[in-house]
Amino acid sequence: MGHIKWSICIGISLVFTSFVSSQQISKADLIRMSPEWTGERFEDGRPKVSDDLLNRMKLVTLEEAWATLRGANFNYQYEGEWKEVHPGEVIVGRAVTATFVPGRPDIHKAIDKKGHEEDGRIKAQNSWPIDLLQKRDVYVVDHFGLVVDGPSIGDNLANSIFAKSGNGFIYYGAIRDIAGMKELENFNAYFKSYHPSHHLNEPERRLNSTMIAINQPTRIGMATVMPGDVVLARDGGVVFIPAYLAERVVKTSEVVRLRDMFGHQRLREQKYTAGQIDTRWSDEIEKDFSQWLNDHIDELPVAKEQIQEMLKTRTW
């Protein structure tokens, strides 16, 4: 076992050195870490899932997304038990990530020095990832659940996040100034707790957290998040969807949604029994479903083009 432990230590050391020296992952490395994505990318290498898919994703349920990801052997993409600024507002967008660790002055000063002198960053570390946000991004932050003297996002940074992205954030830790955030319309944020204090960011005197990574893989509770993942936050839970699986999640959800609508209607009409609907459908029911899709194609909560594609390819 000794050689295994030694290999792990070397790996952790290399990763940590990379964090301190570069903090933000290179475009080449990000592309290497997401080889299944073959579509458009941002300049920094993040996958750029289309706006159309993001729009359609807003109707996907957590259960539908989770089931599709589980079927693809992605077992750690969900984290629950969140608080919300505006309960009920769905958040969908592309992840920009940041990772904090408990504060350590020597590392903090080294990262500050490089950020200010070499990378052209300004002010405190907690504002750096926000400067990178683009429209429809979601800021995803691992602040290791810190509460007292932990909040690194208040209403000022929330306004900046919203102005840049038109979106909210997912914050594994405590926030502050929630009253000010509630003034933002069409905005939501998921967070673990609230505290009126603020984070301590002075390595010479008061320091409680250091940001070691921007746009690198990070952990949010029991979920692993990659930059460019599609964030789906609703009903108190968050699913982080690998970019290359976003289309599969959406299409599967749309089929399930339509089949549920059809099945519920036929059950209310008592045309079929619960036993017939709640199991593999017979050829007769499948034909009825196809006819129902044709008859209601302009009324259903899925675009006509997607329904026509379903009917053509029978993707169910």
C-alpha atoms as a PDB file:
ATOM      1  CA  MET A   1       0.000   0.000   0.000  1.00  0.00           C
ATOM      2  CA  GLY A   2       2.965   2.307   0.527  1.00  0.00           C
ATOM      3  CA  HIS A   3       3.527   2.983  -3.157  1.00  0.00           C
ATOM      4  CA  ILE A   4      -0.168   3.801  -3.595  1.00  0.00           C
ATOM      5  CA  LYS A   5      -0.090   6.339  -0.757  1.00  0.00           C
ATOM      6  CA  TRP A   6       3.126   7.818  -2.183  1.00  0.00           C
ATOM      7  CA  SER A   7       1.551   8.143  -5.646  1.00  0.00           C
ATOM      8  CA  ILE A   8      -1.481   9.851  -4.151  1.00  0.00           C
ATOM      9  CA  CYS A   9       0.738  12.279  -2.241  1.00  0.00           C
ATOM     10  CA  ILE A  10       2.712  13.092  -5.396  1.00  0.00           C
ATOM     11  CA  GLY A  11      -0.535  13.645  -7.331  1.00  0.00           C
ATOM     12  CA  ILE A  12      -1.950  15.957  -4.658  1.00  0.00           C
ATOM     13  CA  SER A  13       1.343  17.838  -4.515  1.00  0.00           C
ATOM     14  CA  LEU A  14       1.405  18.359  -8.286  1.00  0.00           C
ATOM     15  CA  VAL A  15      -2.204  19.537  -8.358  1.00  0.00           C
ATOM     16  CA  PHE A  16      -1.636  21.903  -5.446  1.00  0.00           C
ATOM     17  CA  THR A  17       1.508  23.308  -7.083  1.00  0.00           C
ATOM     18  CA  SER A  18      -0.485  23.846 -10.260  1.00  0.00           C
ATOM     19  CA  PHE A  19      -3.178  25.702  -8.293  1.00  0.00           C
ATOM     20  CA  VAL A  20      -0.688  28.055  -6.697  1.00  0.00           C
ATOM     21  CA  SER A  21       1.317  28.728  -9.833  1.00  0.00           C
ATOM     22  CA  SER A  22      -1.472  29.104 -12.373  1.00  0.00           C
ATOM     23  CA  GLN A  23      -4.772  28.989 -10.416  1.00  0.00           C
ATOM     24  CA  GLN A  24      -6.827  29.002 -13.622  1.00  0.00           C
ATOM     25  CA  ILE A  25      -6.680  25.873 -15.746  1.00  0.00           C
ATOM     26  CA  SER A  26      -5.194  26.236 -19.223  1.00  0.00           C
ATOM     27  CA  LYS A  27      -7.356  26.033 -22.316  1.00  0.00           C
ATOM     28  CA  ALA A  28      -5.451  22.969 -23.505  1.00  0.00           C
ATOM     29  CA  ASP A  29      -5.958  21.140 -20.198  1.00  0.00           C
ATOM     30  CA  LEU A  30      -9.649  22.005 -20.089  1.00  0.00           C
ATOM     31  CA  ILE A  31     -10.102  20.638 -23.596  1.00  0.00           C
ATOM     32  CA  ARG A  32      -8.216  17.475 -22.624  1.00  0.00           C
ATOM     33  CA  MET A  33     -10.477  17.029 -19.599  1.00  0.00           C
ATOM     34  CA  SER A  34     -13.685  17.273 -21.673  1.00  0.00           C
ATOM     35  CA  PRO A  35     -12.883  15.241 -24.805  1.00  0.00           C
ATOM     36  CA  GLU A  36     -16.471  14.050 -25.311  1.00  0.00           C
ATOM     37  CA  TRP A  37     -17.606  17.602 -26.026  1.00  0.00           C
ATOM     38  CA  THR A  38     -17.247  18.291 -29.753  1.00  0.00           C
ATOM     39  CA  GLY A  39     -19.244  21.505 -30.007  1.00  0.00           C
ATOM     40  CA  GLU A  40     -18.451  25.189 -29.636  1.00  0.00           C
ATOM     41  CA  ARG A  41     -16.166  26.364 -26.828  1.00  0.00           C
ATOM     42  CA  PHE A  42     -15.435  29.658 -25.112  1.00  0.00           C
ATOM     43  CA  GLU A  43     -12.045  31.259 -25.614  1.00  0.00           C
ATOM     44  CA  ASP A  44     -10.898  29.767 -22.298  1.00  0.00           C
ATOM     45  CA  GLY A  45     -11.795  26.255 -23.463  1.00  0.00           C
ATOM     46  CA  ARG A  46     -15.064  25.809 -21.582  1.00  0.00           C
ATOM     47  CA  PRO A  47     -17.753  23.904 -23.504  1.00  0.00           C
ATOM     48  CA  LYS A  48     -20.449  26.288 -24.732  1.00  0.00           C
ATOM     49  CA  VAL A  49     -23.774  24.467 -24.624  1.00  0.00           C
ATOM     50  CA  SER A  50     -26.223  26.286 -26.917  1.00  0.00           C
ATOM     51  CA  ASP A  51     -28.745  28.822 -25.668  1.00  0.00           C
ATOM     52  CA  ASP A  52     -31.509  26.695 -27.211  1.00  0.00           C
ATOM     53  CA  LEU A  53     -30.594  23.723 -25.002  1.00  0.00           C
ATOM     54  CA  LEU A  54     -30.361  25.984 -21.949  1.00  0.00           C
ATOM     55  CA  ASN A  55     -33.865  27.291 -22.686  1.00  0.00           C
ATOM     56  CA  ARG A  56     -35.245  23.773 -23.010  1.00  0.00           C
ATOM     57  CA  MET A  57     -33.372  22.651 -19.883  1.00  0.00           C
ATOM     58  CA  LYS A  58     -35.538  24.944 -17.728  1.00  0.00           C
ATOM     59  CA  LEU A  59     -38.414  22.472 -17.968  1.00  0.00           C
ATOM     60  CA  VAL A  60     -36.307  19.437 -17.044  1.00  0.00           C
ATOM     61  CA  THR A  61     -36.984  18.032 -13.570  1.00  0.00           C
ATOM     62  CA  LEU A  62     -34.259  16.987 -11.153  1.00  0.00           C
ATOM     63  CA  GLU A  63     -35.500  13.398 -11.341  1.00  0.00           C
ATOM     64  CA  GLU A  64     -35.273  13.313 -15.134  1.00  0.00           C
ATOM     65  CA  ALA A  65     -31.775  14.799 -15.190  1.00  0.00           C
ATOM     66  CA  TRP A  66     -30.563  12.559 -12.373  1.00  0.00           C
ATOM     67  CA  ALA A  67     -31.907   9.394 -14.020  1.00  0.00           C
ATOM     68  CA  THR A  68     -30.248  10.176 -17.350  1.00  0.00           C
ATOM     69  CA  LEU A  69     -26.907  10.934 -15.689  1.00  0.00           C
ATOM     70  CA  ARG A  70     -27.133   7.816 -13.530  1.00  0.00           C
ATOM     71  CA  GLY A  71     -27.759   5.793 -16.661  1.00  0.00           C
ATOM     72  CA  ALA A  72     -24.549   7.211 -18.124  1.00  0.00           C
ATOM     73  CA  ASN A  73     -22.638   6.208 -14.924  1.00  0.00           C
ATOM     74  CA  PHE A  74     -22.411   9.763 -13.563  1.00  0.00           C
ATOM     75  CA  ASN A  75     -23.331   9.035  -9.957  1.00  0.00           C
ATOM     76  CA  TYR A  76     -22.108  12.164  -8.172  1.00  0.00           C
ATOM     77  CA  GLN A  77     -23.688  15.143  -9.926  1.00  0.00           C
ATOM     78  CA  TYR A  78     -26.414  16.080  -7.439  1.00  0.00           C
ATOM     79  CA  GLU A  79     -26.383  18.107  -4.228  1.00  0.00           C
ATOM     80  CA  GLY A  80     -29.524  18.914  -2.241  1.00  0.00           C
ATOM     81  CA  GLU A  81     -30.798  20.749   0.834  1.00  0.00           C
ATOM     82  CA  TRP A  82     -30.124  24.299  -0.359  1.00  0.00           C
ATOM     83  CA  LYS A  83     -31.588  27.631   0.667  1.00  0.00           C
ATOM     84  CA  GLU A  84     -32.738  30.080  -2.044  1.00  0.00           C
ATOM     85  CA  VAL A  85     -32.910  33.852  -2.358  1.00  0.00           C
ATOM     86  CA  HIS A  86     -36.099  33.619  -4.475  1.00  0.00           C
ATOM     87  CA  PRO A  87     -37.614  30.161  -3.945  1.00  0.00           C
ATOM     88  CA  GLY A  88     -39.139  28.748  -7.097  1.00  0.00           C
ATOM     89  CA  GLU A  89     -36.920  30.603  -9.591  1.00  0.00           C
ATOM     90  CA  VAL A  90     -35.141  28.008 -11.748  1.00  0.00           C
ATOM     91  CA  ILE A  91     -31.440  28.573 -12.434  1.00  0.00           C
ATOM     92  CA  VAL A  92     -29.953  27.207 -15.668  1.00  0.00           C
ATOM     93  CA  GLY A  93     -26.592  28.118 -17.151  1.00  0.00           C
ATOM     94  CA  ARG A  94     -22.977  27.216 -17.829  1.00  0.00           C
ATOM     95  CA  ALA A  95     -20.697  26.750 -14.834  1.00  0.00           C
ATOM     96  CA  VAL A  96     -17.791  29.020 -13.957  1.00  0.00           C
ATOM     97  CA  THR A  97     -16.120  27.518 -10.883  1.00  0.00           C
ATOM     98  CA  ALA A  98     -14.078  28.719  -7.937  1.00  0.00           C
ATOM     99  CA  THR A  99     -12.558  26.773  -5.043  1.00  0.00           C
ATOM    100  CA  PHE A 100     -11.599  28.090  -1.614  1.00  0.00           C
ATOM    101  CA  VAL A 101      -9.648  26.353   1.155  1.00  0.00           C
ATOM    102  CA  PRO A 102      -9.158  27.413   4.782  1.00  0.00           C
ATOM    103  CA  GLY A 103      -6.925  30.477   4.789  1.00  0.00           C
ATOM    104  CA  ARG A 104      -3.152  30.113   4.814  1.00  0.00           C
ATOM    105  CA  PRO A 105      -1.151  33.379   4.700  1.00  0.00           C
ATOM    106  CA  ASP A 106       1.887  32.216   2.712  1.00  0.00           C
ATOM    107  CA  ILE A 107      -0.186  30.647  -0.063  1.00  0.00           C
ATOM    108  CA  HIS A 108      -2.643  33.535  -0.040  1.00  0.00           C
ATOM    109  CA  LYS A 109       0.118  36.106  -0.510  1.00  0.00           C
ATOM    110  CA  ALA A 110       1.707  34.059  -3.309  1.00  0.00           C
ATOM    111  CA  ILE A 111      -1.607  33.860  -5.165  1.00  0.00           C
ATOM    112  CA  ASP A 112      -2.263  37.582  -4.582  1.00  0.00           C
ATOM    113  CA  LYS A 113       1.188  38.469  -5.912  1.00  0.00           C
ATOM    114  CA  LYS A 114       0.810  36.429  -9.077  1.00  0.00           C
ATOM    115  CA  GLY A 115      -2.757  37.576  -9.638  1.00  0.00           C
ATOM    116  CA  HIS A 116      -1.953  41.263  -9.268  1.00  0.00           C
ATOM    117  CA  GLU A 117       1.502  41.391 -10.877  1.00  0.00           C
ATOM    118  CA  GLU A 118       1.314  38.760 -13.615  1.00  0.00           C
ATOM    119  CA  ASP A 119      -2.345  38.153 -14.418  1.00  0.00           C
ATOM    120  CA  GLY A 120      -3.567  41.741 -14.145  1.00  0.00           C
ATOM    121  CA  ARG A 121      -6.234  40.964 -11.568  1.00  0.00           C
ATOM    122  CA  ILE A 122      -7.467  43.694  -9.248  1.00  0.00           C
ATOM    123  CA  LYS A 123      -8.724  43.875  -5.678  1.00  0.00           C
ATOM    124  CA  ALA A 124      -9.548  40.806  -3.579  1.00  0.00           C
ATOM    125  CA  GLN A 125      -9.569  37.210  -4.755  1.00  0.00           C
ATOM    126  CA  ASN A 126     -13.314  36.717  -4.294  1.00  0.00           C
ATOM    127  CA  SER A 127     -13.997  39.150  -7.168  1.00  0.00           C
ATOM    128  CA  TRP A 128     -11.625  37.524  -9.686  1.00  0.00           C
ATOM    129  CA  PRO A 129     -13.907  34.780 -11.048  1.00  0.00           C
ATOM    130  CA  ILE A 130     -16.782  37.248 -11.327  1.00  0.00           C
ATOM    131  CA  ASP A 131     -14.743  39.276 -13.807  1.00  0.00           C
ATOM    132  CA  LEU A 132     -14.725  36.224 -16.101  1.00  0.00           C
ATOM    133  CA  LEU A 133     -18.497  35.734 -16.212  1.00  0.00           C
ATOM    134  CA  GLN A 134     -20.352  35.905 -19.503  1.00  0.00           C
ATOM    135  CA  LYS A 135     -24.047  35.880 -20.323  1.00  0.00           C
ATOM    136  CA  ARG A 136     -25.860  32.753 -19.096  1.00  0.00           C
ATOM    137  CA  ASP A 137     -22.967  31.639 -16.890  1.00  0.00           C
ATOM    138  CA  VAL A 138     -23.650  30.443 -13.356  1.00  0.00           C
ATOM    139  CA  TYR A 139     -20.993  31.148 -10.738  1.00  0.00           C
ATOM    140  CA  VAL A 140     -20.363  27.911  -8.789  1.00  0.00           C
ATOM    141  CA  VAL A 141     -18.339  28.287  -5.590  1.00  0.00           C
ATOM    142  CA  ASP A 142     -16.961  25.762  -3.123  1.00  0.00           C
ATOM    143  CA  HIS A 143     -16.393  27.736   0.088  1.00  0.00           C
ATOM    144  CA  PHE A 144     -16.185  24.501   2.120  1.00  0.00           C
ATOM    145  CA  GLY A 145     -19.366  25.331   4.057  1.00  0.00           C
ATOM    146  CA  LEU A 146     -17.749  28.186   6.005  1.00  0.00           C
ATOM    147  CA  VAL A 147     -20.263  30.162   8.071  1.00  0.00           C
ATOM    148  CA  VAL A 148     -18.914  32.630  10.689  1.00  0.00           C
ATOM    149  CA  ASP A 149     -16.705  35.221   8.958  1.00  0.00           C
ATOM    150  CA  GLY A 150     -17.256  33.182   5.813  1.00  0.00           C
ATOM    151  CA  PRO A 151     -19.560  35.070   3.407  1.00  0.00           C
ATOM    152  CA  SER A 152     -17.560  36.189   0.377  1.00  0.00           C
ATOM    153  CA  ILE A 153     -20.692  37.169  -1.572  1.00  0.00           C
ATOM    154  CA  GLY A 154     -23.057  39.929  -0.488  1.00  0.00           C
ATOM    155  CA  ASP A 155     -25.469  42.138  -2.378  1.00  0.00           C
ATOM    156  CA  ASN A 156     -22.715  44.109  -4.154  1.00  0.00           C
ATOM    157  CA  LEU A 157     -21.102  41.042  -5.727  1.00  0.00           C
ATOM    158  CA  ALA A 158     -24.551  39.556  -6.371  1.00  0.00           C
ATOM    159  CA  ASN A 159     -25.414  42.649  -8.423  1.00  0.00           C
ATOM    160  CA  SER A 160     -22.140  42.295 -10.337  1.00  0.00           C
ATOM    161  CA  ILE A 161     -22.763  38.590 -10.972  1.00  0.00           C
ATOM    162  CA  PHE A 162     -26.257  39.334 -12.256  1.00  0.00           C
ATOM    163  CA  ALA A 163     -25.090  42.248 -14.428  1.00  0.00           C
ATOM    164  CA  LYS A 164     -22.421  40.144 -16.144  1.00  0.00           C
ATOM    165  CA  SER A 165     -24.259  36.846 -16.488  1.00  0.00           C
ATOM    166  CA  GLY A 166     -27.960  37.659 -16.237  1.00  0.00           C
ATOM    167  CA  ASN A 167     -27.932  34.707 -13.879  1.00  0.00           C
ATOM    168  CA  GLY A 168     -27.369  33.735 -10.264  1.00  0.00           C
ATOM    169  CA  PHE A 169     -24.912  31.587  -8.353  1.00  0.00           C
ATOM    170  CA  ILE A 170     -24.478  28.342  -6.440  1.00  0.00           C
ATOM    171  CA  TYR A 171     -22.540  28.870  -3.215  1.00  0.00           C
ATOM    172  CA  TYR A 172     -21.442  26.066  -0.894  1.00  0.00           C
ATOM    173  CA  GLY A 173     -21.144  28.219   2.198  1.00  0.00           C
ATOM    174  CA  ALA A 174     -22.770  31.224   3.853  1.00  0.00           C
ATOM    175  CA  ILE A 175     -23.836  34.440   2.138  1.00  0.00           C
ATOM    176  CA  ARG A 176     -24.714  37.863   3.573  1.00  0.00           C
ATOM    177  CA  ASP A 177     -26.883  40.862   2.598  1.00  0.00           C
ATOM    178  CA  ILE A 178     -29.774  38.652   1.540  1.00  0.00           C
ATOM    179  CA  ALA A 179     -32.221  41.567   1.849  1.00  0.00           C
ATOM    180  CA  GLY A 180     -30.330  43.400  -0.885  1.00  0.00           C
ATOM    181  CA  MET A 181     -30.262  40.302  -3.087  1.00  0.00           C
ATOM    182  CA  LYS A 182     -34.029  39.973  -2.787  1.00  0.00           C
ATOM    183  CA  GLU A 183     -34.359  43.323  -4.564  1.00  0.00           C
ATOM    184  CA  LEU A 184     -32.959  41.768  -7.747  1.00  0.00           C
ATOM    185  CA  GLU A 185     -35.729  40.617 -10.083  1.00  0.00           C
ATOM    186  CA  ASN A 186     -35.422  37.503 -12.272  1.00  0.00           C
ATOM    187  CA  PHE A 187     -32.530  36.428 -10.074  1.00  0.00           C
ATOM    188  CA  ASN A 188     -31.926  33.514  -7.770  1.00  0.00           C
ATOM    189  CA  ALA A 189     -29.046  32.067  -5.772  1.00  0.00           C
ATOM    190  CA  TYR A 190     -28.606  28.775  -3.989  1.00  0.00           C
ATOM    191  CA  PHE A 191     -26.595  28.778  -0.772  1.00  0.00           C
ATOM    192  CA  LYS A 192     -26.076  26.583   2.271  1.00  0.00           C
ATOM    193  CA  SER A 193     -26.466  29.106   5.088  1.00  0.00           C
ATOM    194  CA  TYR A 194     -26.672  32.775   6.017  1.00  0.00           C
ATOM    195  CA  HIS A 195     -24.520  34.853   8.355  1.00  0.00           C
ATOM    196  CA  PRO A 196     -24.254  38.647   8.799  1.00  0.00           C
ATOM    197  CA  SER A 197     -20.426  38.562   9.039  1.00  0.00           C
ATOM    198  CA  HIS A 198     -18.084  38.822   6.046  1.00  0.00           C
ATOM    199  CA  HIS A 199     -15.034  36.862   4.963  1.00  0.00           C
ATOM    200  CA  LEU A 200     -11.608  37.867   6.253  1.00  0.00           C
ATOM    201  CA  ASN A 201      -9.140  38.581   3.470  1.00  0.00           C
ATOM    202  CA  GLU A 202      -6.051  40.140   5.060  1.00  0.00           C
ATOM    203  CA  PRO A 203      -3.149  37.640   5.196  1.00  0.00           C
ATOM    204  CA  GLU A 204      -1.116  39.905   7.487  1.00  0.00           C
ATOM    205  CA  ARG A 205      -3.890  40.216  10.092  1.00  0.00           C
ATOM    206  CA  ARG A 206      -7.178  38.426   9.460  1.00  0.00           C
ATOM    207  CA  LEU A 207      -7.574  35.559   7.023  1.00  0.00           C
ATOM    208  CA  ASN A 208      -9.990  32.670   6.950  1.00  0.00           C
ATOM    209  CA  SER A 209     -10.067  31.463   3.328  1.00  0.00           C
ATOM    210  CA  THR A 210      -7.868  31.407   0.241  1.00  0.00           C
ATOM    211  CA  MET A 211      -9.108  30.883  -3.313  1.00  0.00           C
ATOM    212  CA  ILE A 212      -6.845  28.296  -4.888  1.00  0.00           C
ATOM    213  CA  ALA A 213      -8.635  27.588  -8.161  1.00  0.00           C
ATOM    214  CA  ILE A 214     -10.654  29.333 -10.861  1.00  0.00           C
ATOM    215  CA  ASN A 215     -12.391  27.361 -13.606  1.00  0.00           C
ATOM    216  CA  GLN A 216     -10.949  24.061 -12.456  1.00  0.00           C
ATOM    217  CA  PRO A 217     -12.876  20.924 -11.483  1.00  0.00           C
ATOM    218  CA  THR A 218     -14.354  21.432  -8.034  1.00  0.00           C
ATOM    219  CA  ARG A 219     -16.484  19.697  -5.456  1.00  0.00           C
ATOM    220  CA  ILE A 220     -19.891  20.960  -4.358  1.00  0.00           C
ATOM    221  CA  GLY A 221     -20.992  18.755  -1.488  1.00  0.00           C
ATOM    222  CA  MET A 222     -21.341  15.285  -2.996  1.00  0.00           C
ATOM    223  CA  ALA A 223     -21.117  16.527  -6.590  1.00  0.00           C
ATOM    224  CA  THR A 224     -18.160  16.998  -8.918  1.00  0.00           C
ATOM    225  CA  VAL A 225     -18.369  20.032 -11.199  1.00  0.00           C
ATOM    226  CA  MET A 226     -16.448  20.865 -14.358  1.00  0.00           C
ATOM    227  CA  PRO A 227     -16.245  24.341 -15.892  1.00  0.00           C
ATOM    228  CA  GLY A 228     -18.845  24.432 -18.657  1.00  0.00           C
ATOM    229  CA  ASP A 229     -21.166  21.922 -17.004  1.00  0.00           C
ATOM    230  CA  VAL A 230     -24.825  22.869 -17.328  1.00  0.00           C
ATOM    231  CA  VAL A 231     -26.192  23.887 -13.929  1.00  0.00           C
ATOM    232  CA  LEU A 232     -29.837  22.989 -13.256  1.00  0.00           C
ATOM    233  CA  ALA A 233     -31.059  24.328  -9.898  1.00  0.00           C
ATOM    234  CA  ARG A 234     -34.701  23.938  -8.956  1.00  0.00           C
ATOM    235  CA  ASP A 235     -36.941  22.684  -6.161  1.00  0.00           C
ATOM    236  CA  GLY A 236     -34.159  22.933  -3.584  1.00  0.00           C
ATOM    237  CA  GLY A 237     -31.656  20.753  -5.461  1.00  0.00           C
ATOM    238  CA  VAL A 238     -28.857  21.220  -7.986  1.00  0.00           C
ATOM    239  CA  VAL A 239     -27.705  18.892 -10.766  1.00  0.00           C
ATOM    240  CA  PHE A 240     -24.448  19.553 -12.616  1.00  0.00           C
ATOM    241  CA  ILE A 241     -24.735  18.102 -16.126  1.00  0.00           C
ATOM    242  CA  PRO A 242     -21.626  17.347 -18.216  1.00  0.00           C
ATOM    243  CA  ALA A 243     -21.856  19.457 -21.354  1.00  0.00           C
ATOM    244  CA  TYR A 244     -21.847  16.519 -23.756  1.00  0.00           C
ATOM    245  CA  LEU A 245     -24.828  14.961 -21.951  1.00  0.00           C
ATOM    246  CA  ALA A 246     -26.963  18.118 -21.909  1.00  0.00           C
ATOM    247  CA  GLU A 247     -28.752  17.325 -25.168  1.00  0.00           C
ATOM    248  CA  ARG A 248     -29.467  13.742 -24.040  1.00  0.00           C
ATOM    249  CA  VAL A 249     -30.885  15.027 -20.749  1.00  0.00           C
ATOM    250  CA  VAL A 250     -33.156  17.523 -22.519  1.00  0.00           C
ATOM    251  CA  LYS A 251     -34.428  15.121 -25.175  1.00  0.00           C
ATOM    252  CA  THR A 252     -35.072  12.365 -22.652  1.00  0.00           C
ATOM    253  CA  SER A 253     -36.967  14.826 -20.461  1.00  0.00           C
ATOM    254  CA  GLU A 254     -39.115  15.984 -23.362  1.00  0.00           C
ATOM    255  CA  VAL A 255     -40.094  12.429 -24.252  1.00  0.00           C
ATOM    256  CA  VAL A 256     -40.911  11.621 -20.609  1.00  0.00           C
ATOM    257  CA  ARG A 257     -42.911  14.847 -20.263  1.00  0.00           C
ATOM    258  CA  LEU A 258     -45.053  14.075 -23.296  1.00  0.00           C
ATOM    259  CA  ARG A 259     -45.548  10.429 -22.380  1.00  0.00           C
ATOM    260  CA  ASP A 260     -46.622  11.475 -18.887  1.00  0.00           C
ATOM    261  CA  MET A 261     -49.122  13.983 -20.292  1.00  0.00           C
ATOM    262  CA  PHE A 262     -50.573  11.368 -22.621  1.00  0.00           C
ATOM    263  CA  GLY A 263     -50.660   8.672 -19.952  1.00  0.00           C
ATOM    264  CA  HIS A 264     -52.323  10.912 -17.371  1.00  0.00           C
ATOM    265  CA  GLN A 265     -54.941  12.025 -19.873  1.00  0.00           C
ATOM    266  CA  ARG A 266     -55.763   8.483 -20.926  1.00  0.00           C
ATOM    267  CA  LEU A 267     -55.995   7.413 -17.261  1.00  0.00           C
ATOM    268  CA  ARG A 268     -58.450  10.236 -16.525  1.00  0.00           C
ATOM    269  CA  GLU A 269     -60.460   9.186 -19.571  1.00  0.00           C
ATOM    270  CA  GLN A 270     -60.282   5.583 -18.263  1.00  0.00           C
ATOM    271  CA  LYS A 271     -59.227   4.412 -21.703  1.00  0.00           C
ATOM    272  CA  TYR A 272     -56.410   2.370 -20.178  1.00  0.00           C
ATOM    273  CA  THR A 273     -55.800   0.959 -16.736  1.00  0.00           C
ATOM    274  CA  ALA A 274     -53.016   2.040 -14.406  1.00  0.00           C
ATOM    275  CA  GLY A 275     -51.400  -1.335 -14.974  1.00  0.00           C
ATOM    276  CA  GLN A 276     -51.312  -0.756 -18.738  1.00  0.00           C
ATOM    277  CA  ILE A 277     -49.806   2.733 -18.436  1.00  0.00           C
ATOM    278  CA  ASP A 278     -47.384   2.003 -15.593  1.00  0.00           C
ATOM    279  CA  THR A 279     -45.512  -0.698 -17.490  1.00  0.00           C
ATOM    280  CA  ARG A 280     -44.026  -1.199 -20.942  1.00  0.00           C
ATOM    281  CA  TRP A 281     -46.646   0.039 -23.378  1.00  0.00           C
ATOM    282  CA  SER A 282     -48.285  -2.278 -25.896  1.00  0.00           C
ATOM    283  CA  ASP A 283     -48.070  -1.595 -29.634  1.00  0.00           C
ATOM    284  CA  GLU A 284     -51.659  -0.355 -29.471  1.00  0.00           C
ATOM    285  CA  ILE A 285     -50.802   2.283 -26.835  1.00  0.00           C
ATOM    286  CA  GLU A 286     -47.650   3.315 -28.703  1.00  0.00           C
ATOM    287  CA  LYS A 287     -49.704   3.917 -31.860  1.00  0.00           C
ATOM    288  CA  ASP A 288     -52.243   5.874 -29.843  1.00  0.00           C
ATOM    289  CA  PHE A 289     -49.430   7.990 -28.375  1.00  0.00           C
ATOM    290  CA  SER A 290     -48.016   8.768 -31.850  1.00  0.00           C
ATOM    291  CA  GLN A 291     -51.462   9.808 -33.064  1.00  0.00           C
ATOM    292  CA  TRP A 292     -51.954  11.925 -29.930  1.00  0.00           C
ATOM    293  CA  LEU A 293     -48.662  13.717 -30.622  1.00  0.00           C
ATOM    294  CA  ASN A 294     -49.777  14.504 -34.174  1.00  0.00           C
ATOM    295  CA  ASP A 295     -53.189  15.695 -33.050  1.00  0.00           C
ATOM    296  CA  HIS A 296     -51.807  18.029 -30.365  1.00  0.00           C
ATOM    297  CA  ILE A 297     -48.474  19.028 -31.894  1.00  0.00           C
ATOM    298  CA  ASP A 298     -49.214  22.776 -31.740  1.00  0.00           C
ATOM    299  CA  GLU A 299     -50.473  22.694 -28.143  1.00  0.00           C
ATOM    300  CA  LEU A 300     -47.783  20.723 -26.300  1.00  0.00           C
ATOM    301  CA  PRO A 301     -44.995  22.124 -24.050  1.00  0.00           C
ATOM    302  CA  VAL A 302     -42.305  20.883 -26.438  1.00  0.00           C
ATOM    303  CA  ALA A 303     -41.415  22.657 -29.673  1.00  0.00           C
ATOM    304  CA  LYS A 304     -43.093  21.368 -32.796  1.00  0.00           C
ATOM    305  CA  GLU A 305     -39.699  20.706 -34.383  1.00  0.00           C
ATOM    306  CA  GLN A 306     -38.651  18.446 -31.514  1.00  0.00           C
ATOM    307  CA  ILE A 307     -41.925  16.495 -31.659  1.00  0.00           C
ATOM    308  CA  GLN A 308     -41.543  15.998 -35.407  1.00  0.00           C
ATOM    309  CA  GLU A 309     -38.037  14.677 -34.783  1.00  0.00           C
ATOM    310  CA  MET A 310     -39.396  12.268 -32.137  1.00  0.00           C
ATOM    311  CA  LEU A 311     -42.066  10.982 -34.529  1.00  0.00           C
ATOM    312  CA  LYS A 312     -39.507  10.549 -37.298  1.00  0.00           C
ATOM    313  CA  THR A 313     -36.866   8.765 -35.234  1.00  0.00           C
ATOM    314  CA  ARG A 314     -39.078   7.190 -32.533  1.00  0.00           C
ATOM    315  CA  THR A 315     -36.624   8.249 -29.817  1.00  0.00           C
ATOM    316  CA  TRP A 316     -38.537   6.584 -26.965  1.00  0.00           C
END
